[in-house]
Amino acid sequence: MEVQILYDKESINRKLYSGWGVSFLINGRILFDTGENGRRLLHNMEKMDTDVEDIEIVVISHDHWDHTGGLWDVLKIRKGLKVYICPDFSDGFKKNIKRLKGKIIEAEKVTEIDNDIFITGEIAGEYKKCFIAEQALVAATEKGLTIMTGCSHPGIVKIVEQVKKDFPDEKIYLVFGGFHLMDKSRNEIKLIAMELKNTGIEKAGPTHCSGYNAEVIFKEVFDNNFVSIKAGQVLEI
């Protein structure tokens, strides 16, 4: 299974835009999050030889601008596109999808959206002391499960625990995306990294809102199994 990193805070070369938010493309057909800017997202797709017309499904992790910003440009091109969201996303967000003729699918629990590709369904989180709904994407391959996260507002450990509960017989090969650890101390980050490693996760790739300290500490903890994530990369999972 192939994952293209379409958008992130850093890129592998100057031909690609970087910015806030993430966007990952699975097998050229399933888009997970859309970054902050549609024009930049479409530019990066073109430079990475991907075609927005091939996208069949969009999964939005949570209703924040830096993960939904590119969705509107995608929907303008791909009329009738399936968009998987959490039930507790804002009414305004849902209305915008409907206005652009997107087909909303709300997932409360783990749901298979394509062969061997799942979403966790809504997981309760907190942002600025307020409730926020978020979901992650899970891909099942021969190497094990790969979990892709947007911001991990529920907590990256909580998300992994939910996946382990839903897939009790599967090992977790890779977890990558936003872990939202920017406001955590180095000690807290170290404990989280060790806890994830001790659960049997083989590889980890914190990026976006994870913060610089998290990238350094996760690299120390996971050593050669640390995965650096940048726009322009192609991961074989």
C-alpha atoms as a PDB file:
ATOM      1  CA  MET A   1       0.000   0.000   0.000  1.00  0.00           C
ATOM      2  CA  GLU A   2       1.319   3.446  -0.914  1.00  0.00           C
ATOM      3  CA  VAL A   3       0.898   6.707   0.985  1.00  0.00           C
ATOM      4  CA  GLN A   4       1.916  10.022  -0.551  1.00  0.00           C
ATOM      5  CA  ILE A   5       2.591  12.911   1.814  1.00  0.00           C
ATOM      6  CA  LEU A   6       0.914  15.725  -0.096  1.00  0.00           C
ATOM      7  CA  TYR A   7       1.110  18.462   2.512  1.00  0.00           C
ATOM      8  CA  ASP A   8       2.966  19.111   5.754  1.00  0.00           C
ATOM      9  CA  LYS A   9       5.025  21.735   7.556  1.00  0.00           C
ATOM     10  CA  GLU A  10       8.169  20.776   5.607  1.00  0.00           C
ATOM     11  CA  SER A  11       8.732  19.504   2.067  1.00  0.00           C
ATOM     12  CA  ILE A  12      11.531  17.514   0.474  1.00  0.00           C
ATOM     13  CA  ASN A  13      12.219  20.191  -2.153  1.00  0.00           C
ATOM     14  CA  ARG A  14      11.328  23.740  -3.171  1.00  0.00           C
ATOM     15  CA  LYS A  15       8.976  22.604  -5.915  1.00  0.00           C
ATOM     16  CA  LEU A  16       6.420  21.690  -3.254  1.00  0.00           C
ATOM     17  CA  TYR A  17       4.556  23.982  -0.902  1.00  0.00           C
ATOM     18  CA  SER A  18       4.748  23.431   2.820  1.00  0.00           C
ATOM     19  CA  GLY A  19       2.435  24.872   5.447  1.00  0.00           C
ATOM     20  CA  TRP A  20       0.231  24.145   8.408  1.00  0.00           C
ATOM     21  CA  GLY A  21      -1.904  21.023   8.444  1.00  0.00           C
ATOM     22  CA  VAL A  22      -1.459  17.649   6.786  1.00  0.00           C
ATOM     23  CA  SER A  23      -2.753  15.756   3.776  1.00  0.00           C
ATOM     24  CA  PHE A  24      -2.014  12.123   2.958  1.00  0.00           C
ATOM     25  CA  LEU A  25      -3.109  10.236  -0.162  1.00  0.00           C
ATOM     26  CA  ILE A  26      -3.562   6.454   0.043  1.00  0.00           C
ATOM     27  CA  ASN A  27      -3.213   4.455  -3.174  1.00  0.00           C
ATOM     28  CA  GLY A  28      -3.982   7.568  -5.211  1.00  0.00           C
ATOM     29  CA  ARG A  29      -7.677   7.330  -4.292  1.00  0.00           C
ATOM     30  CA  ILE A  30      -8.296   8.072  -0.625  1.00  0.00           C
ATOM     31  CA  LEU A  31      -7.432  11.501   0.739  1.00  0.00           C
ATOM     32  CA  PHE A  32      -6.906  11.927   4.478  1.00  0.00           C
ATOM     33  CA  ASP A  33      -7.185  15.600   5.435  1.00  0.00           C
ATOM     34  CA  THR A  34      -6.549  18.461   3.035  1.00  0.00           C
ATOM     35  CA  GLY A  35      -4.106  20.899   4.655  1.00  0.00           C
ATOM     36  CA  GLU A  36      -4.730  24.610   5.058  1.00  0.00           C
ATOM     37  CA  ASN A  37      -4.865  25.736   1.431  1.00  0.00           C
ATOM     38  CA  GLY A  38      -6.553  24.179  -1.597  1.00  0.00           C
ATOM     39  CA  ARG A  39      -4.427  25.922  -4.217  1.00  0.00           C
ATOM     40  CA  ARG A  40      -1.244  24.702  -2.584  1.00  0.00           C
ATOM     41  CA  LEU A  41      -2.641  21.196  -2.142  1.00  0.00           C
ATOM     42  CA  LEU A  42      -3.585  20.921  -5.826  1.00  0.00           C
ATOM     43  CA  HIS A  43      -0.176  22.293  -6.811  1.00  0.00           C
ATOM     44  CA  ASN A  44       1.581  19.624  -4.759  1.00  0.00           C
ATOM     45  CA  MET A  45      -0.645  16.915  -6.209  1.00  0.00           C
ATOM     46  CA  GLU A  46       0.294  17.971  -9.724  1.00  0.00           C
ATOM     47  CA  LYS A  47       4.003  18.035  -8.890  1.00  0.00           C
ATOM     48  CA  MET A  48       3.687  14.543  -7.383  1.00  0.00           C
ATOM     49  CA  ASP A  49       1.968  13.210 -10.519  1.00  0.00           C
ATOM     50  CA  THR A  50      -1.379  12.602  -8.840  1.00  0.00           C
ATOM     51  CA  ASP A  51      -4.749  13.516 -10.303  1.00  0.00           C
ATOM     52  CA  VAL A  52      -7.532  14.971  -8.172  1.00  0.00           C
ATOM     53  CA  GLU A  53      -9.997  13.320 -10.556  1.00  0.00           C
ATOM     54  CA  ASP A  54      -8.835   9.926  -9.252  1.00  0.00           C
ATOM     55  CA  ILE A  55      -9.854  10.700  -5.668  1.00  0.00           C
ATOM     56  CA  GLU A  56     -12.886   8.647  -4.622  1.00  0.00           C
ATOM     57  CA  ILE A  57     -13.017   9.227  -0.861  1.00  0.00           C
ATOM     58  CA  VAL A  58     -12.015  12.019   1.509  1.00  0.00           C
ATOM     59  CA  VAL A  59     -11.599  11.456   5.254  1.00  0.00           C
ATOM     60  CA  ILE A  60     -11.464  14.502   7.495  1.00  0.00           C
ATOM     61  CA  SER A  61      -9.885  13.885  10.880  1.00  0.00           C
ATOM     62  CA  HIS A  62     -11.388  16.912  12.631  1.00  0.00           C
ATOM     63  CA  ASP A  63     -13.097  20.192  11.890  1.00  0.00           C
ATOM     64  CA  HIS A  64     -10.155  22.612  12.035  1.00  0.00           C
ATOM     65  CA  TRP A  65      -9.139  24.968   9.228  1.00  0.00           C
ATOM     66  CA  ASP A  66      -5.676  23.504   8.744  1.00  0.00           C
ATOM     67  CA  HIS A  67      -7.153  20.072   7.979  1.00  0.00           C
ATOM     68  CA  THR A  68     -10.181  21.179   5.985  1.00  0.00           C
ATOM     69  CA  GLY A  69      -8.850  24.160   4.031  1.00  0.00           C
ATOM     70  CA  GLY A  70      -8.181  22.263   0.817  1.00  0.00           C
ATOM     71  CA  LEU A  71     -11.453  20.320   0.864  1.00  0.00           C
ATOM     72  CA  TRP A  72     -13.468  23.018  -0.869  1.00  0.00           C
ATOM     73  CA  ASP A  73     -11.205  23.152  -3.932  1.00  0.00           C
ATOM     74  CA  VAL A  74     -11.241  19.362  -4.162  1.00  0.00           C
ATOM     75  CA  LEU A  75     -15.051  19.268  -3.979  1.00  0.00           C
ATOM     76  CA  LYS A  76     -15.374  21.912  -6.693  1.00  0.00           C
ATOM     77  CA  ILE A  77     -13.512  19.580  -9.055  1.00  0.00           C
ATOM     78  CA  ARG A  78     -14.845  16.230  -7.791  1.00  0.00           C
ATOM     79  CA  LYS A  79     -18.609  16.644  -7.583  1.00  0.00           C
ATOM     80  CA  GLY A  80     -20.428  14.066  -5.466  1.00  0.00           C
ATOM     81  CA  LEU A  81     -17.312  12.948  -3.607  1.00  0.00           C
ATOM     82  CA  LYS A  82     -17.792  10.846  -0.459  1.00  0.00           C
ATOM     83  CA  VAL A  83     -16.610  12.719   2.635  1.00  0.00           C
ATOM     84  CA  TYR A  84     -16.278  10.759   5.888  1.00  0.00           C
ATOM     85  CA  ILE A  85     -16.654  12.927   8.969  1.00  0.00           C
ATOM     86  CA  CYS A  86     -17.506  12.632  12.656  1.00  0.00           C
ATOM     87  CA  PRO A  87     -21.141  13.161  13.703  1.00  0.00           C
ATOM     88  CA  ASP A  88     -20.187  16.042  16.021  1.00  0.00           C
ATOM     89  CA  PHE A  89     -18.481  18.187  13.383  1.00  0.00           C
ATOM     90  CA  SER A  90     -20.016  21.675  13.166  1.00  0.00           C
ATOM     91  CA  ASP A  91     -23.245  22.305  11.291  1.00  0.00           C
ATOM     92  CA  GLY A  92     -21.522  25.004   9.249  1.00  0.00           C
ATOM     93  CA  PHE A  93     -18.899  22.553   8.049  1.00  0.00           C
ATOM     94  CA  LYS A  94     -21.558  20.035   7.054  1.00  0.00           C
ATOM     95  CA  LYS A  95     -23.541  22.715   5.212  1.00  0.00           C
ATOM     96  CA  ASN A  96     -20.477  23.706   3.190  1.00  0.00           C
ATOM     97  CA  ILE A  97     -19.929  20.102   2.096  1.00  0.00           C
ATOM     98  CA  LYS A  98     -23.562  19.789   1.043  1.00  0.00           C
ATOM     99  CA  ARG A  99     -23.410  23.138  -0.782  1.00  0.00           C
ATOM    100  CA  LEU A 100     -20.571  21.770  -2.906  1.00  0.00           C
ATOM    101  CA  LYS A 101     -22.491  18.523  -3.555  1.00  0.00           C
ATOM    102  CA  GLY A 102     -20.306  16.324  -1.373  1.00  0.00           C
ATOM    103  CA  LYS A 103     -21.839  13.155   0.071  1.00  0.00           C
ATOM    104  CA  ILE A 104     -21.489  13.215   3.849  1.00  0.00           C
ATOM    105  CA  ILE A 105     -20.976   9.927   5.676  1.00  0.00           C
ATOM    106  CA  GLU A 106     -20.878  10.208   9.470  1.00  0.00           C
ATOM    107  CA  ALA A 107     -18.965   7.517  11.361  1.00  0.00           C
ATOM    108  CA  GLU A 108     -19.614   6.914  15.045  1.00  0.00           C
ATOM    109  CA  LYS A 109     -17.485   3.768  15.304  1.00  0.00           C
ATOM    110  CA  VAL A 110     -14.833   1.845  13.380  1.00  0.00           C
ATOM    111  CA  THR A 111     -15.858   1.575   9.727  1.00  0.00           C
ATOM    112  CA  GLU A 112     -14.264  -0.066   6.699  1.00  0.00           C
ATOM    113  CA  ILE A 113     -14.292   2.511   3.894  1.00  0.00           C
ATOM    114  CA  ASP A 114     -12.337   0.484   1.328  1.00  0.00           C
ATOM    115  CA  ASN A 115     -10.545  -2.848   1.159  1.00  0.00           C
ATOM    116  CA  ASP A 116      -8.329  -3.018   4.272  1.00  0.00           C
ATOM    117  CA  ILE A 117      -8.780   0.701   4.979  1.00  0.00           C
ATOM    118  CA  PHE A 118     -10.747   1.794   8.044  1.00  0.00           C
ATOM    119  CA  ILE A 119     -11.608   4.871  10.044  1.00  0.00           C
ATOM    120  CA  THR A 120     -11.795   4.740  13.820  1.00  0.00           C
ATOM    121  CA  GLY A 121     -15.042   6.674  14.000  1.00  0.00           C
ATOM    122  CA  GLU A 122     -15.498   9.547  16.410  1.00  0.00           C
ATOM    123  CA  ILE A 123     -13.163   9.704  19.407  1.00  0.00           C
ATOM    124  CA  ALA A 124     -13.777  12.392  22.023  1.00  0.00           C
ATOM    125  CA  GLY A 125     -11.010  14.932  22.485  1.00  0.00           C
ATOM    126  CA  GLU A 126     -10.370  18.357  23.961  1.00  0.00           C
ATOM    127  CA  TYR A 127      -9.037  21.581  22.447  1.00  0.00           C
ATOM    128  CA  LYS A 128      -8.713  24.794  24.465  1.00  0.00           C
ATOM    129  CA  LYS A 129     -10.823  23.171  27.201  1.00  0.00           C
ATOM    130  CA  CYS A 130     -13.670  22.458  24.795  1.00  0.00           C
ATOM    131  CA  PHE A 131     -14.923  19.165  23.354  1.00  0.00           C
ATOM    132  CA  ILE A 132     -13.668  18.218  19.908  1.00  0.00           C
ATOM    133  CA  ALA A 133     -14.467  15.161  17.793  1.00  0.00           C
ATOM    134  CA  GLU A 134     -11.662  13.464  15.892  1.00  0.00           C
ATOM    135  CA  GLN A 135     -11.036  10.264  13.945  1.00  0.00           C
ATOM    136  CA  ALA A 136      -7.966   8.512  12.587  1.00  0.00           C
ATOM    137  CA  LEU A 137      -7.407   6.334   9.529  1.00  0.00           C
ATOM    138  CA  VAL A 138      -6.175   2.742   9.819  1.00  0.00           C
ATOM    139  CA  ALA A 139      -4.655   0.767   6.954  1.00  0.00           C
ATOM    140  CA  ALA A 140      -4.193  -3.005   7.288  1.00  0.00           C
ATOM    141  CA  THR A 141      -1.278  -4.508   5.365  1.00  0.00           C
ATOM    142  CA  GLU A 142       1.006  -7.529   5.607  1.00  0.00           C
ATOM    143  CA  LYS A 143       3.370  -5.447   7.762  1.00  0.00           C
ATOM    144  CA  GLY A 144       0.616  -4.734  10.277  1.00  0.00           C
ATOM    145  CA  LEU A 145      -1.620  -1.746  10.936  1.00  0.00           C
ATOM    146  CA  THR A 146      -0.653   1.791  10.005  1.00  0.00           C
ATOM    147  CA  ILE A 147      -2.460   4.554  11.900  1.00  0.00           C
ATOM    148  CA  MET A 148      -2.635   8.046  10.358  1.00  0.00           C
ATOM    149  CA  THR A 149      -3.612  10.943  12.596  1.00  0.00           C
ATOM    150  CA  GLY A 150      -4.584  14.548  11.976  1.00  0.00           C
ATOM    151  CA  CYS A 151      -3.890  16.252  15.320  1.00  0.00           C
ATOM    152  CA  SER A 152      -4.608  13.610  17.971  1.00  0.00           C
ATOM    153  CA  HIS A 153      -6.638  15.970  20.155  1.00  0.00           C
ATOM    154  CA  PRO A 154      -8.039  12.946  22.051  1.00  0.00           C
ATOM    155  CA  GLY A 155      -4.408  12.015  22.797  1.00  0.00           C
ATOM    156  CA  ILE A 156      -2.194   9.824  20.636  1.00  0.00           C
ATOM    157  CA  VAL A 157      -2.128   7.115  23.316  1.00  0.00           C
ATOM    158  CA  LYS A 158      -5.939   7.109  23.512  1.00  0.00           C
ATOM    159  CA  ILE A 159      -6.213   6.780  19.727  1.00  0.00           C
ATOM    160  CA  VAL A 160      -3.776   3.862  19.673  1.00  0.00           C
ATOM    161  CA  GLU A 161      -5.636   2.181  22.537  1.00  0.00           C
ATOM    162  CA  GLN A 162      -8.899   2.497  20.596  1.00  0.00           C
ATOM    163  CA  VAL A 163      -7.305   0.918  17.518  1.00  0.00           C
ATOM    164  CA  LYS A 164      -5.910  -1.927  19.605  1.00  0.00           C
ATOM    165  CA  LYS A 165      -9.368  -2.488  21.071  1.00  0.00           C
ATOM    166  CA  ASP A 166     -10.952  -2.599  17.597  1.00  0.00           C
ATOM    167  CA  PHE A 167      -8.176  -4.774  16.112  1.00  0.00           C
ATOM    168  CA  PRO A 168      -7.075  -6.934  19.061  1.00  0.00           C
ATOM    169  CA  ASP A 169      -5.273  -9.543  16.982  1.00  0.00           C
ATOM    170  CA  GLU A 170      -3.268  -7.134  14.815  1.00  0.00           C
ATOM    171  CA  LYS A 171       0.153  -5.637  15.476  1.00  0.00           C
ATOM    172  CA  ILE A 172       0.727  -1.943  14.815  1.00  0.00           C
ATOM    173  CA  TYR A 173       3.467  -1.346  12.281  1.00  0.00           C
ATOM    174  CA  LEU A 174       3.476   2.450  12.004  1.00  0.00           C
ATOM    175  CA  VAL A 175       1.809   5.477  13.589  1.00  0.00           C
ATOM    176  CA  PHE A 176       2.323   8.854  11.938  1.00  0.00           C
ATOM    177  CA  GLY A 177       0.786  12.307  11.653  1.00  0.00           C
ATOM    178  CA  GLY A 178       0.022  15.052  14.134  1.00  0.00           C
ATOM    179  CA  PHE A 179       0.437  13.988  17.767  1.00  0.00           C
ATOM    180  CA  HIS A 180      -0.263  17.465  19.263  1.00  0.00           C
ATOM    181  CA  LEU A 181       2.559  17.461  21.777  1.00  0.00           C
ATOM    182  CA  MET A 182       3.745  21.059  21.306  1.00  0.00           C
ATOM    183  CA  ASP A 183       2.500  22.084  24.737  1.00  0.00           C
ATOM    184  CA  LYS A 184       3.932  19.068  26.552  1.00  0.00           C
ATOM    185  CA  SER A 185       7.155  19.019  28.559  1.00  0.00           C
ATOM    186  CA  ARG A 186      10.089  16.918  27.429  1.00  0.00           C
ATOM    187  CA  ASN A 187       9.414  14.487  30.282  1.00  0.00           C
ATOM    188  CA  GLU A 188       5.761  14.098  29.265  1.00  0.00           C
ATOM    189  CA  ILE A 189       6.748  13.526  25.645  1.00  0.00           C
ATOM    190  CA  LYS A 190       9.343  10.945  26.668  1.00  0.00           C
ATOM    191  CA  LEU A 191       6.749   9.039  28.696  1.00  0.00           C
ATOM    192  CA  ILE A 192       4.288   9.068  25.773  1.00  0.00           C
ATOM    193  CA  ALA A 193       6.955   7.882  23.321  1.00  0.00           C
ATOM    194  CA  MET A 194       8.019   5.070  25.664  1.00  0.00           C
ATOM    195  CA  GLU A 195       4.404   4.056  26.272  1.00  0.00           C
ATOM    196  CA  LEU A 196       3.760   3.791  22.543  1.00  0.00           C
ATOM    197  CA  LYS A 197       6.932   1.794  21.969  1.00  0.00           C
ATOM    198  CA  ASN A 198       6.091  -0.536  24.852  1.00  0.00           C
ATOM    199  CA  THR A 199       2.718  -1.330  23.277  1.00  0.00           C
ATOM    200  CA  GLY A 200       4.638  -2.988  20.440  1.00  0.00           C
ATOM    201  CA  ILE A 201       4.425  -0.228  17.819  1.00  0.00           C
ATOM    202  CA  GLU A 202       7.308  -0.747  15.406  1.00  0.00           C
ATOM    203  CA  LYS A 203       7.668   2.698  13.798  1.00  0.00           C
ATOM    204  CA  ALA A 204       6.566   6.244  14.625  1.00  0.00           C
ATOM    205  CA  GLY A 205       6.462   9.469  12.618  1.00  0.00           C
ATOM    206  CA  PRO A 206       5.349  12.527  14.612  1.00  0.00           C
ATOM    207  CA  THR A 207       4.896  15.651  12.486  1.00  0.00           C
ATOM    208  CA  HIS A 208       2.752  18.798  12.096  1.00  0.00           C
ATOM    209  CA  CYS A 209       1.552  19.805  15.591  1.00  0.00           C
ATOM    210  CA  SER A 210       3.761  17.253  17.343  1.00  0.00           C
ATOM    211  CA  GLY A 211       6.466  19.884  17.809  1.00  0.00           C
ATOM    212  CA  TYR A 212      10.236  19.905  17.478  1.00  0.00           C
ATOM    213  CA  ASN A 213      10.875  18.348  20.895  1.00  0.00           C
ATOM    214  CA  ALA A 214       8.604  15.425  20.059  1.00  0.00           C
ATOM    215  CA  GLU A 215      10.461  14.728  16.838  1.00  0.00           C
ATOM    216  CA  VAL A 216      13.805  14.740  18.663  1.00  0.00           C
ATOM    217  CA  ILE A 217      12.578  12.553  21.531  1.00  0.00           C
ATOM    218  CA  PHE A 218      10.706  10.074  19.344  1.00  0.00           C
ATOM    219  CA  LYS A 219      13.844   9.728  17.239  1.00  0.00           C
ATOM    220  CA  GLU A 220      15.809   8.898  20.405  1.00  0.00           C
ATOM    221  CA  VAL A 221      13.219   6.370  21.578  1.00  0.00           C
ATOM    222  CA  PHE A 222      12.482   4.678  18.238  1.00  0.00           C
ATOM    223  CA  ASP A 223      16.011   5.046  16.833  1.00  0.00           C
ATOM    224  CA  ASN A 224      16.134   3.545  13.317  1.00  0.00           C
ATOM    225  CA  ASN A 225      12.361   3.052  13.410  1.00  0.00           C
ATOM    226  CA  PHE A 226      11.709   6.789  13.572  1.00  0.00           C
ATOM    227  CA  VAL A 227      10.067   8.015  10.352  1.00  0.00           C
ATOM    228  CA  SER A 228      10.586  11.607   9.243  1.00  0.00           C
ATOM    229  CA  ILE A 229       7.471  12.937   7.507  1.00  0.00           C
ATOM    230  CA  LYS A 230       7.678  15.652   4.814  1.00  0.00           C
ATOM    231  CA  ALA A 231       5.591  16.688   1.840  1.00  0.00           C
ATOM    232  CA  GLY A 232       6.803  14.908  -1.274  1.00  0.00           C
ATOM    233  CA  GLN A 233       7.596  11.610   0.404  1.00  0.00           C
ATOM    234  CA  VAL A 234       6.060   8.308  -0.653  1.00  0.00           C
ATOM    235  CA  LEU A 235       5.716   5.664   2.072  1.00  0.00           C
ATOM    236  CA  GLU A 236       5.315   1.964   1.316  1.00  0.00           C
ATOM    237  CA  ILE A 237       3.314   0.529   4.183  1.00  0.00           C
END
